[in-house]
Amino acid sequence: MKIHFLSDKEKLEEIIKITGISRSELARRLEVSYKTLYRWLDKNVVPHPSLSNDIEQLFKEYVDLRDVVLQLRNKLKNPIRILKNNKEIRDKFFLEMTYHSNAIEGSRLTVKETERAFEGKKVRGKEFFEVLEAINHRNALEFLLDKICYGFKIDQNYILKLHEIVMYNFSNKLPGKYRTGFVNLTNTEKVLPSAQDVPLRMGKLIKNINNYKKEPVKKIAHDHYEFEVIHPFFDGNGRVGRLIMITQLLSKGFAPAIVQIDDRYKYYMALGKADYGDYKNIVQMVCDCIIKGYHFFEKNTKREK
């Protein structure tokens, strides 16, 4: 299976098309000579990887990634079926998602150590709770994949079950139950709802969570922000929120969004900007992570013909 991703040349051409920027100005923005840009665009010279990364960042700044994601959805049909039917890809997916999602929340486990935890082996130099977090997250992904189908409808019981699995054996975190007290976040100035308001706010979110209208990716990004702002649990909100987002994306035929540890700063910044009504960054961020999901399938299905 081959998924076509935009080449550096195509990205440059798209930036020029969208912005109307001149080649001279584009070269200046990329801090390269006009001659270098000319070779990329007209002579099919491939940029150095470091410059390719600069092109990628500029592309994300100017181009609405929703169009790219929709194109990729048409290239890869039914990612749910691939994950359900291919154990090797599924295991790699569980490892990738678990490592990154837990690392974002502060886990010190490496990818190899996460894999050892999955295999039931001892992980030296790490706390037992870190190993348990890895196993719990994998189990939550297994539950998700067992339940998911195209058009799957999320309800309160599903969300609470995800949290119950993610927080298994962390009884002080009230697994599977909304928080009963105040929580304080260090990465936002947003005032969180009181514990008394959580059930009402979650009820409103869940009532509309399966209504995607004409812009599903934008809706899913907004839902993710809203869930994190409600912060319905004492702990595990980030992990459960990302699992909900994966559920929504798969149910609509998209690849799962892979939020990587290297994205943590951009991720928090995007959520923070949404606090002030600017949702562009969180939508672009989610799109970027969906594209990484498609890259995951591309990389792991090359041997399948």
C-alpha atoms as a PDB file:
ATOM      1  CA  MET A   1       0.000   0.000   0.000  1.00  0.00           C
ATOM      2  CA  LYS A   2       1.436   3.365  -1.029  1.00  0.00           C
ATOM      3  CA  ILE A   3       0.175   6.650   0.389  1.00  0.00           C
ATOM      4  CA  HIS A   4       1.312   9.736  -1.499  1.00  0.00           C
ATOM      5  CA  PHE A   5       2.635  12.493   0.745  1.00  0.00           C
ATOM      6  CA  LEU A   6       3.505  15.909  -0.629  1.00  0.00           C
ATOM      7  CA  SER A   7       7.103  16.285  -1.777  1.00  0.00           C
ATOM      8  CA  ASP A   8       9.161  19.323  -0.752  1.00  0.00           C
ATOM      9  CA  LYS A   9       8.642  20.742  -4.235  1.00  0.00           C
ATOM     10  CA  GLU A  10       4.867  20.317  -3.945  1.00  0.00           C
ATOM     11  CA  LYS A  11       4.892  21.978  -0.532  1.00  0.00           C
ATOM     12  CA  LEU A  12       6.820  24.963  -1.893  1.00  0.00           C
ATOM     13  CA  GLU A  13       4.446  25.266  -4.840  1.00  0.00           C
ATOM     14  CA  GLU A  14       1.456  25.111  -2.489  1.00  0.00           C
ATOM     15  CA  ILE A  15       2.913  27.876  -0.266  1.00  0.00           C
ATOM     16  CA  ILE A  16       3.381  30.104  -3.328  1.00  0.00           C
ATOM     17  CA  LYS A  17      -0.136  29.314  -4.551  1.00  0.00           C
ATOM     18  CA  ILE A  18      -1.817  29.984  -1.181  1.00  0.00           C
ATOM     19  CA  THR A  19       0.139  33.095  -0.175  1.00  0.00           C
ATOM     20  CA  GLY A  20       1.071  34.654  -3.502  1.00  0.00           C
ATOM     21  CA  ILE A  21       4.572  35.097  -2.099  1.00  0.00           C
ATOM     22  CA  SER A  22       7.385  35.675  -4.609  1.00  0.00           C
ATOM     23  CA  ARG A  23      10.204  33.203  -5.046  1.00  0.00           C
ATOM     24  CA  SER A  24      12.669  35.798  -3.784  1.00  0.00           C
ATOM     25  CA  GLU A  25      10.684  36.322  -0.583  1.00  0.00           C
ATOM     26  CA  LEU A  26      10.230  32.580  -0.104  1.00  0.00           C
ATOM     27  CA  ALA A  27      13.972  32.070  -0.442  1.00  0.00           C
ATOM     28  CA  ARG A  28      14.528  34.806   2.138  1.00  0.00           C
ATOM     29  CA  ARG A  29      12.069  33.193   4.575  1.00  0.00           C
ATOM     30  CA  LEU A  30      13.891  29.883   4.218  1.00  0.00           C
ATOM     31  CA  GLU A  31      17.283  31.626   4.477  1.00  0.00           C
ATOM     32  CA  VAL A  32      18.553  30.121   1.220  1.00  0.00           C
ATOM     33  CA  SER A  33      19.695  31.672  -2.046  1.00  0.00           C
ATOM     34  CA  TYR A  34      17.341  32.246  -4.932  1.00  0.00           C
ATOM     35  CA  LYS A  35      19.483  29.831  -6.966  1.00  0.00           C
ATOM     36  CA  THR A  36      18.946  27.098  -4.377  1.00  0.00           C
ATOM     37  CA  LEU A  37      15.184  27.616  -4.427  1.00  0.00           C
ATOM     38  CA  TYR A  38      15.258  27.589  -8.254  1.00  0.00           C
ATOM     39  CA  ARG A  39      17.014  24.208  -8.232  1.00  0.00           C
ATOM     40  CA  TRP A  40      14.394  22.793  -5.851  1.00  0.00           C
ATOM     41  CA  LEU A  41      11.451  24.032  -7.900  1.00  0.00           C
ATOM     42  CA  ASP A  42      12.692  23.720 -11.472  1.00  0.00           C
ATOM     43  CA  LYS A  43      15.483  21.146 -11.443  1.00  0.00           C
ATOM     44  CA  ASN A  44      13.952  18.622  -9.015  1.00  0.00           C
ATOM     45  CA  VAL A  45      16.918  18.874  -6.646  1.00  0.00           C
ATOM     46  CA  VAL A  46      16.006  17.374  -3.255  1.00  0.00           C
ATOM     47  CA  PRO A  47      16.720  19.681  -0.260  1.00  0.00           C
ATOM     48  CA  HIS A  48      19.000  18.655   2.591  1.00  0.00           C
ATOM     49  CA  PRO A  49      16.966  17.026   5.440  1.00  0.00           C
ATOM     50  CA  SER A  50      17.463  20.048   7.724  1.00  0.00           C
ATOM     51  CA  LEU A  51      16.145  22.378   5.008  1.00  0.00           C
ATOM     52  CA  SER A  52      13.355  19.926   4.262  1.00  0.00           C
ATOM     53  CA  ASN A  53      12.285  20.356   7.891  1.00  0.00           C
ATOM     54  CA  ASP A  54      12.275  24.155   7.453  1.00  0.00           C
ATOM     55  CA  ILE A  55      10.045  23.758   4.392  1.00  0.00           C
ATOM     56  CA  GLU A  56       7.720  21.519   6.403  1.00  0.00           C
ATOM     57  CA  GLN A  57       7.397  24.094   9.196  1.00  0.00           C
ATOM     58  CA  LEU A  58       6.685  26.909   6.735  1.00  0.00           C
ATOM     59  CA  PHE A  59       4.143  24.714   4.971  1.00  0.00           C
ATOM     60  CA  LYS A  60       2.291  24.095   8.252  1.00  0.00           C
ATOM     61  CA  GLU A  61       2.322  27.811   8.997  1.00  0.00           C
ATOM     62  CA  TYR A  62       0.633  28.854   5.757  1.00  0.00           C
ATOM     63  CA  VAL A  63      -1.361  25.871   4.465  1.00  0.00           C
ATOM     64  CA  ASP A  64      -4.606  24.549   5.968  1.00  0.00           C
ATOM     65  CA  LEU A  65      -3.687  20.946   6.765  1.00  0.00           C
ATOM     66  CA  ARG A  66      -7.314  19.830   6.748  1.00  0.00           C
ATOM     67  CA  ASP A  67      -7.182  19.556   2.959  1.00  0.00           C
ATOM     68  CA  VAL A  68      -4.079  17.361   3.184  1.00  0.00           C
ATOM     69  CA  VAL A  69      -5.744  15.108   5.764  1.00  0.00           C
ATOM     70  CA  LEU A  70      -8.865  14.707   3.630  1.00  0.00           C
ATOM     71  CA  GLN A  71      -6.712  13.736   0.644  1.00  0.00           C
ATOM     72  CA  LEU A  72      -4.911  11.128   2.737  1.00  0.00           C
ATOM     73  CA  ARG A  73      -8.206   9.699   4.006  1.00  0.00           C
ATOM     74  CA  ASN A  74      -9.105   8.970   0.389  1.00  0.00           C
ATOM     75  CA  LYS A  75      -5.780   7.168  -0.099  1.00  0.00           C
ATOM     76  CA  LEU A  76      -5.979   4.883   2.953  1.00  0.00           C
ATOM     77  CA  LYS A  77      -9.273   3.070   3.295  1.00  0.00           C
ATOM     78  CA  ASN A  78     -10.440   1.681   6.629  1.00  0.00           C
ATOM     79  CA  PRO A  79      -7.482   2.003   9.043  1.00  0.00           C
ATOM     80  CA  ILE A  80      -9.618   0.170  11.632  1.00  0.00           C
ATOM     81  CA  ARG A  81      -9.504  -2.995   9.541  1.00  0.00           C
ATOM     82  CA  ILE A  82      -5.705  -2.775   9.238  1.00  0.00           C
ATOM     83  CA  LEU A  83      -5.287  -2.420  13.013  1.00  0.00           C
ATOM     84  CA  LYS A  84      -7.726  -5.240  13.758  1.00  0.00           C
ATOM     85  CA  ASN A  85      -6.367  -7.688  11.172  1.00  0.00           C
ATOM     86  CA  ASN A  86      -2.610  -7.091  11.298  1.00  0.00           C
ATOM     87  CA  LYS A  87      -1.119  -8.037  14.675  1.00  0.00           C
ATOM     88  CA  GLU A  88       2.356  -6.718  13.847  1.00  0.00           C
ATOM     89  CA  ILE A  89       1.034  -3.271  12.939  1.00  0.00           C
ATOM     90  CA  ARG A  90      -1.353  -3.306  15.876  1.00  0.00           C
ATOM     91  CA  ASP A  91       1.446  -4.103  18.351  1.00  0.00           C
ATOM     92  CA  LYS A  92       3.614  -1.319  16.916  1.00  0.00           C
ATOM     93  CA  PHE A  93       0.667   1.059  17.138  1.00  0.00           C
ATOM     94  CA  PHE A  94       0.059   0.182  20.794  1.00  0.00           C
ATOM     95  CA  LEU A  95       3.747   0.727  21.561  1.00  0.00           C
ATOM     96  CA  GLU A  96       3.953   4.029  19.679  1.00  0.00           C
ATOM     97  CA  MET A  97       0.790   5.470  21.204  1.00  0.00           C
ATOM     98  CA  THR A  98       1.566   4.315  24.736  1.00  0.00           C
ATOM     99  CA  TYR A  99       5.147   5.550  24.791  1.00  0.00           C
ATOM    100  CA  HIS A 100       4.317   9.030  23.486  1.00  0.00           C
ATOM    101  CA  SER A 101       1.073   9.574  25.409  1.00  0.00           C
ATOM    102  CA  ASN A 102       2.621   8.563  28.731  1.00  0.00           C
ATOM    103  CA  ALA A 103       5.859  10.483  28.034  1.00  0.00           C
ATOM    104  CA  ILE A 104       3.807  13.653  27.498  1.00  0.00           C
ATOM    105  CA  GLU A 105       2.441  13.137  31.011  1.00  0.00           C
ATOM    106  CA  GLY A 106       5.916  12.692  32.518  1.00  0.00           C
ATOM    107  CA  SER A 107       6.680   8.979  32.239  1.00  0.00           C
ATOM    108  CA  ARG A 108      10.420   8.250  32.115  1.00  0.00           C
ATOM    109  CA  LEU A 109      10.070   4.932  30.279  1.00  0.00           C
ATOM    110  CA  THR A 110      11.885   4.676  26.965  1.00  0.00           C
ATOM    111  CA  VAL A 111      10.338   2.911  23.969  1.00  0.00           C
ATOM    112  CA  LYS A 112      12.358  -0.223  24.778  1.00  0.00           C
ATOM    113  CA  GLU A 113      11.340  -0.098  28.439  1.00  0.00           C
ATOM    114  CA  THR A 114       7.695   0.348  27.434  1.00  0.00           C
ATOM    115  CA  GLU A 115       8.034  -2.746  25.256  1.00  0.00           C
ATOM    116  CA  ARG A 116       9.548  -4.675  28.186  1.00  0.00           C
ATOM    117  CA  ALA A 117       6.623  -3.609  30.350  1.00  0.00           C
ATOM    118  CA  PHE A 118       4.234  -4.962  27.699  1.00  0.00           C
ATOM    119  CA  GLU A 119       6.100  -8.280  27.766  1.00  0.00           C
ATOM    120  CA  GLY A 120       5.833  -8.524  31.546  1.00  0.00           C
ATOM    121  CA  LYS A 121       9.595  -8.173  32.014  1.00  0.00           C
ATOM    122  CA  LYS A 122      11.312  -6.253  34.774  1.00  0.00           C
ATOM    123  CA  VAL A 123      12.168  -2.648  33.952  1.00  0.00           C
ATOM    124  CA  ARG A 124      15.260  -1.676  35.935  1.00  0.00           C
ATOM    125  CA  GLY A 125      15.552   1.744  37.510  1.00  0.00           C
ATOM    126  CA  LYS A 126      11.908   2.691  37.030  1.00  0.00           C
ATOM    127  CA  GLU A 127       9.047   2.919  39.512  1.00  0.00           C
ATOM    128  CA  PHE A 128       6.346   0.247  39.437  1.00  0.00           C
ATOM    129  CA  PHE A 129       3.660   2.857  38.799  1.00  0.00           C
ATOM    130  CA  GLU A 130       5.400   3.845  35.548  1.00  0.00           C
ATOM    131  CA  VAL A 131       5.295   0.225  34.371  1.00  0.00           C
ATOM    132  CA  LEU A 132       1.649  -0.015  35.416  1.00  0.00           C
ATOM    133  CA  GLU A 133       0.814   3.156  33.475  1.00  0.00           C
ATOM    134  CA  ALA A 134       2.245   1.585  30.328  1.00  0.00           C
ATOM    135  CA  ILE A 135       0.307  -1.667  30.762  1.00  0.00           C
ATOM    136  CA  ASN A 136      -2.892   0.217  31.563  1.00  0.00           C
ATOM    137  CA  HIS A 137      -2.598   2.397  28.460  1.00  0.00           C
ATOM    138  CA  ARG A 138      -2.044  -0.606  26.239  1.00  0.00           C
ATOM    139  CA  ASN A 139      -5.101  -2.285  27.783  1.00  0.00           C
ATOM    140  CA  ALA A 140      -7.144   0.847  27.115  1.00  0.00           C
ATOM    141  CA  LEU A 141      -6.053   0.746  23.459  1.00  0.00           C
ATOM    142  CA  GLU A 142      -7.062  -2.916  23.269  1.00  0.00           C
ATOM    143  CA  PHE A 143     -10.479  -2.010  24.680  1.00  0.00           C
ATOM    144  CA  LEU A 144     -10.760   0.864  22.188  1.00  0.00           C
ATOM    145  CA  LEU A 145      -9.879  -1.338  19.227  1.00  0.00           C
ATOM    146  CA  ASP A 146     -12.264  -4.059  20.381  1.00  0.00           C
ATOM    147  CA  LYS A 147     -15.151  -1.583  20.486  1.00  0.00           C
ATOM    148  CA  ILE A 148     -14.374   0.674  17.536  1.00  0.00           C
ATOM    149  CA  CYS A 149     -16.097   0.441  14.180  1.00  0.00           C
ATOM    150  CA  TYR A 150     -16.875   2.914  11.422  1.00  0.00           C
ATOM    151  CA  GLY A 151     -19.570   5.266  12.739  1.00  0.00           C
ATOM    152  CA  PHE A 152     -18.986   4.230  16.381  1.00  0.00           C
ATOM    153  CA  LYS A 153     -20.927   6.381  18.872  1.00  0.00           C
ATOM    154  CA  ILE A 154     -19.175   7.583  22.022  1.00  0.00           C
ATOM    155  CA  ASP A 155     -21.203   7.729  25.233  1.00  0.00           C
ATOM    156  CA  GLN A 156     -20.464   8.428  28.892  1.00  0.00           C
ATOM    157  CA  ASN A 157     -19.990   4.748  29.771  1.00  0.00           C
ATOM    158  CA  TYR A 158     -17.309   4.433  27.093  1.00  0.00           C
ATOM    159  CA  ILE A 159     -15.375   7.453  28.391  1.00  0.00           C
ATOM    160  CA  LEU A 160     -15.613   6.309  32.007  1.00  0.00           C
ATOM    161  CA  LYS A 161     -14.450   2.812  31.029  1.00  0.00           C
ATOM    162  CA  LEU A 162     -11.409   4.245  29.256  1.00  0.00           C
ATOM    163  CA  HIS A 163     -10.527   6.147  32.408  1.00  0.00           C
ATOM    164  CA  GLU A 164     -11.134   3.092  34.586  1.00  0.00           C
ATOM    165  CA  ILE A 165      -8.632   1.097  32.509  1.00  0.00           C
ATOM    166  CA  VAL A 166      -6.041   3.900  32.276  1.00  0.00           C
ATOM    167  CA  MET A 167      -6.191   4.423  36.048  1.00  0.00           C
ATOM    168  CA  TYR A 168      -6.470   0.732  37.051  1.00  0.00           C
ATOM    169  CA  ASN A 169      -4.866   0.151  40.480  1.00  0.00           C
ATOM    170  CA  PHE A 170      -4.619   3.908  41.140  1.00  0.00           C
ATOM    171  CA  SER A 171      -7.548   3.903  43.573  1.00  0.00           C
ATOM    172  CA  ASN A 172      -6.794   7.404  44.882  1.00  0.00           C
ATOM    173  CA  LYS A 173      -7.461   8.727  41.351  1.00  0.00           C
ATOM    174  CA  LEU A 174     -11.050   7.385  41.358  1.00  0.00           C
ATOM    175  CA  PRO A 175     -10.803   5.135  38.285  1.00  0.00           C
ATOM    176  CA  GLY A 176     -13.911   5.418  36.111  1.00  0.00           C
ATOM    177  CA  LYS A 177     -15.402   8.287  38.113  1.00  0.00           C
ATOM    178  CA  TYR A 178     -15.487  12.047  37.681  1.00  0.00           C
ATOM    179  CA  ARG A 179     -13.394  14.063  40.086  1.00  0.00           C
ATOM    180  CA  THR A 180     -14.968  15.111  43.369  1.00  0.00           C
ATOM    181  CA  GLY A 181     -12.682  18.033  44.102  1.00  0.00           C
ATOM    182  CA  PHE A 182     -10.567  20.835  42.664  1.00  0.00           C
ATOM    183  CA  VAL A 183      -7.567  20.236  40.392  1.00  0.00           C
ATOM    184  CA  ASN A 184      -4.857  22.720  39.542  1.00  0.00           C
ATOM    185  CA  LEU A 185      -3.011  22.822  36.210  1.00  0.00           C
ATOM    186  CA  THR A 186       0.438  24.310  35.792  1.00  0.00           C
ATOM    187  CA  ASN A 187       0.337  24.728  31.996  1.00  0.00           C
ATOM    188  CA  THR A 188      -2.755  26.943  31.708  1.00  0.00           C
ATOM    189  CA  GLU A 189      -4.325  29.977  33.321  1.00  0.00           C
ATOM    190  CA  LYS A 190      -7.787  28.744  32.387  1.00  0.00           C
ATOM    191  CA  VAL A 191     -10.121  28.393  35.370  1.00  0.00           C
ATOM    192  CA  LEU A 192     -11.375  24.823  35.432  1.00  0.00           C
ATOM    193  CA  PRO A 193     -15.002  24.014  36.274  1.00  0.00           C
ATOM    194  CA  SER A 194     -15.835  22.964  39.806  1.00  0.00           C
ATOM    195  CA  ALA A 195     -16.396  19.284  40.554  1.00  0.00           C
ATOM    196  CA  GLN A 196     -20.126  20.036  40.834  1.00  0.00           C
ATOM    197  CA  ASP A 197     -20.137  21.413  37.272  1.00  0.00           C
ATOM    198  CA  VAL A 198     -18.211  18.519  35.705  1.00  0.00           C
ATOM    199  CA  PRO A 199     -21.181  16.142  35.109  1.00  0.00           C
ATOM    200  CA  LEU A 200     -23.200  18.934  33.466  1.00  0.00           C
ATOM    201  CA  ARG A 201     -20.301  20.056  31.268  1.00  0.00           C
ATOM    202  CA  MET A 202     -19.520  16.470  30.282  1.00  0.00           C
ATOM    203  CA  GLY A 203     -23.184  15.855  29.541  1.00  0.00           C
ATOM    204  CA  LYS A 204     -23.221  18.768  27.102  1.00  0.00           C
ATOM    205  CA  LEU A 205     -19.996  17.591  25.454  1.00  0.00           C
ATOM    206  CA  ILE A 206     -21.190  14.005  25.076  1.00  0.00           C
ATOM    207  CA  LYS A 207     -24.578  15.113  23.717  1.00  0.00           C
ATOM    208  CA  ASN A 208     -22.852  16.618  20.667  1.00  0.00           C
ATOM    209  CA  ILE A 209     -19.658  14.556  20.495  1.00  0.00           C
ATOM    210  CA  ASN A 210     -20.918  12.294  17.694  1.00  0.00           C
ATOM    211  CA  ASN A 211     -22.245  15.167  15.569  1.00  0.00           C
ATOM    212  CA  TYR A 212     -19.386  16.007  13.208  1.00  0.00           C
ATOM    213  CA  LYS A 213     -21.263  18.030  10.571  1.00  0.00           C
ATOM    214  CA  LYS A 214     -19.229  19.032   7.501  1.00  0.00           C
ATOM    215  CA  GLU A 215     -15.827  19.550   9.139  1.00  0.00           C
ATOM    216  CA  PRO A 216     -15.067  16.471  11.227  1.00  0.00           C
ATOM    217  CA  VAL A 217     -11.390  17.218  11.889  1.00  0.00           C
ATOM    218  CA  LYS A 218     -12.136  20.742  13.100  1.00  0.00           C
ATOM    219  CA  LYS A 219     -14.951  19.385  15.305  1.00  0.00           C
ATOM    220  CA  ILE A 220     -12.697  16.680  16.769  1.00  0.00           C
ATOM    221  CA  ALA A 221      -9.989  19.250  17.578  1.00  0.00           C
ATOM    222  CA  HIS A 222     -12.552  21.477  19.305  1.00  0.00           C
ATOM    223  CA  ASP A 223     -13.925  18.496  21.247  1.00  0.00           C
ATOM    224  CA  HIS A 224     -10.432  17.583  22.410  1.00  0.00           C
ATOM    225  CA  TYR A 225      -9.859  21.099  23.677  1.00  0.00           C
ATOM    226  CA  GLU A 226     -13.242  21.158  25.439  1.00  0.00           C
ATOM    227  CA  PHE A 227     -12.563  17.823  27.164  1.00  0.00           C
ATOM    228  CA  GLU A 228      -9.185  19.017  28.432  1.00  0.00           C
ATOM    229  CA  VAL A 229     -10.722  22.276  29.680  1.00  0.00           C
ATOM    230  CA  ILE A 230     -13.414  20.390  31.599  1.00  0.00           C
ATOM    231  CA  HIS A 231     -10.646  18.154  33.008  1.00  0.00           C
ATOM    232  CA  PRO A 232     -13.249  15.737  34.387  1.00  0.00           C
ATOM    233  CA  PHE A 233     -10.882  13.422  36.277  1.00  0.00           C
ATOM    234  CA  PHE A 234      -8.334  13.776  39.040  1.00  0.00           C
ATOM    235  CA  ASP A 235      -5.689  12.285  36.739  1.00  0.00           C
ATOM    236  CA  GLY A 236      -5.421  10.736  33.281  1.00  0.00           C
ATOM    237  CA  ASN A 237      -7.232  13.551  31.453  1.00  0.00           C
ATOM    238  CA  GLY A 238      -4.559  13.928  28.783  1.00  0.00           C
ATOM    239  CA  ARG A 239      -4.321  10.215  28.075  1.00  0.00           C
ATOM    240  CA  VAL A 240      -8.084   9.672  28.043  1.00  0.00           C
ATOM    241  CA  GLY A 241      -8.604  12.812  25.964  1.00  0.00           C
ATOM    242  CA  ARG A 242      -6.190  11.552  23.316  1.00  0.00           C
ATOM    243  CA  LEU A 243      -7.858   8.113  23.349  1.00  0.00           C
ATOM    244  CA  ILE A 244     -11.226   9.780  22.767  1.00  0.00           C
ATOM    245  CA  MET A 245      -9.717  11.752  19.883  1.00  0.00           C
ATOM    246  CA  ILE A 246      -8.348   8.524  18.357  1.00  0.00           C
ATOM    247  CA  THR A 247     -11.792   6.937  18.726  1.00  0.00           C
ATOM    248  CA  GLN A 248     -13.451   9.842  16.932  1.00  0.00           C
ATOM    249  CA  LEU A 249     -10.915   9.871  14.105  1.00  0.00           C
ATOM    250  CA  LEU A 250     -11.058   6.122  13.485  1.00  0.00           C
ATOM    251  CA  SER A 251     -14.858   6.179  13.582  1.00  0.00           C
ATOM    252  CA  LYS A 252     -14.807   8.751  10.763  1.00  0.00           C
ATOM    253  CA  GLY A 253     -12.289   6.839   8.656  1.00  0.00           C
ATOM    254  CA  PHE A 254      -9.166   8.869   9.510  1.00  0.00           C
ATOM    255  CA  ALA A 255      -5.816   7.600  10.731  1.00  0.00           C
ATOM    256  CA  PRO A 256      -5.290   8.096  14.483  1.00  0.00           C
ATOM    257  CA  ALA A 257      -3.561  11.286  15.615  1.00  0.00           C
ATOM    258  CA  ILE A 258      -0.133  10.485  17.035  1.00  0.00           C
ATOM    259  CA  VAL A 259       0.855  13.267  19.417  1.00  0.00           C
ATOM    260  CA  GLN A 260       4.570  12.714  20.003  1.00  0.00           C
ATOM    261  CA  ILE A 261       6.647  13.725  22.997  1.00  0.00           C
ATOM    262  CA  ASP A 262       8.550  16.166  20.770  1.00  0.00           C
ATOM    263  CA  ASP A 263       5.199  17.866  20.106  1.00  0.00           C
ATOM    264  CA  ARG A 264       4.481  18.503  23.789  1.00  0.00           C
ATOM    265  CA  TYR A 265       5.381  22.206  23.794  1.00  0.00           C
ATOM    266  CA  LYS A 266       3.429  22.905  20.579  1.00  0.00           C
ATOM    267  CA  TYR A 267       0.526  20.826  21.903  1.00  0.00           C
ATOM    268  CA  TYR A 268       0.242  22.793  25.148  1.00  0.00           C
ATOM    269  CA  MET A 269       0.741  26.061  23.295  1.00  0.00           C
ATOM    270  CA  ALA A 270      -2.092  25.203  20.891  1.00  0.00           C
ATOM    271  CA  LEU A 271      -4.420  24.327  23.769  1.00  0.00           C
ATOM    272  CA  GLY A 272      -3.403  27.540  25.503  1.00  0.00           C
ATOM    273  CA  LYS A 273      -4.227  29.669  22.455  1.00  0.00           C
ATOM    274  CA  ALA A 274      -7.666  28.051  22.314  1.00  0.00           C
ATOM    275  CA  ASP A 275      -8.230  29.401  25.841  1.00  0.00           C
ATOM    276  CA  TYR A 276      -8.433  32.817  24.170  1.00  0.00           C
ATOM    277  CA  GLY A 277     -10.668  31.710  21.306  1.00  0.00           C
ATOM    278  CA  ASP A 278      -7.910  31.027  18.761  1.00  0.00           C
ATOM    279  CA  TYR A 279      -8.564  27.459  17.596  1.00  0.00           C
ATOM    280  CA  LYS A 280      -6.411  27.546  14.456  1.00  0.00           C
ATOM    281  CA  ASN A 281      -3.342  26.120  16.189  1.00  0.00           C
ATOM    282  CA  ILE A 282      -5.122  23.193  17.832  1.00  0.00           C
ATOM    283  CA  VAL A 283      -6.819  22.286  14.527  1.00  0.00           C
ATOM    284  CA  GLN A 284      -3.473  22.460  12.681  1.00  0.00           C
ATOM    285  CA  MET A 285      -1.826  20.520  15.509  1.00  0.00           C
ATOM    286  CA  VAL A 286      -4.409  17.720  15.327  1.00  0.00           C
ATOM    287  CA  CYS A 287      -4.067  17.625  11.523  1.00  0.00           C
ATOM    288  CA  ASP A 288      -0.288  17.388  11.807  1.00  0.00           C
ATOM    289  CA  CYS A 289      -0.641  14.472  14.243  1.00  0.00           C
ATOM    290  CA  ILE A 290      -3.132  12.731  11.926  1.00  0.00           C
ATOM    291  CA  ILE A 291      -0.586  13.059   9.108  1.00  0.00           C
ATOM    292  CA  LYS A 292       1.919  11.377  11.432  1.00  0.00           C
ATOM    293  CA  GLY A 293      -0.662   8.616  11.822  1.00  0.00           C
ATOM    294  CA  TYR A 294      -0.704   8.170   8.053  1.00  0.00           C
ATOM    295  CA  HIS A 295       3.109   8.159   8.049  1.00  0.00           C
ATOM    296  CA  PHE A 296       2.904   5.342  10.627  1.00  0.00           C
ATOM    297  CA  PHE A 297       0.752   3.241   8.296  1.00  0.00           C
ATOM    298  CA  GLU A 298       2.949   4.104   5.316  1.00  0.00           C
ATOM    299  CA  LYS A 299       6.092   3.030   7.150  1.00  0.00           C
ATOM    300  CA  ASN A 300       4.630  -0.186   8.528  1.00  0.00           C
ATOM    301  CA  THR A 301       2.772  -1.415   5.453  1.00  0.00           C
ATOM    302  CA  LYS A 302       5.588  -1.076   2.885  1.00  0.00           C
ATOM    303  CA  ARG A 303       6.152  -4.833   2.960  1.00  0.00           C
ATOM    304  CA  GLU A 304       2.477  -5.519   2.237  1.00  0.00           C
ATOM    305  CA  LYS A 305       1.715  -5.907  -1.429  1.00  0.00           C
END
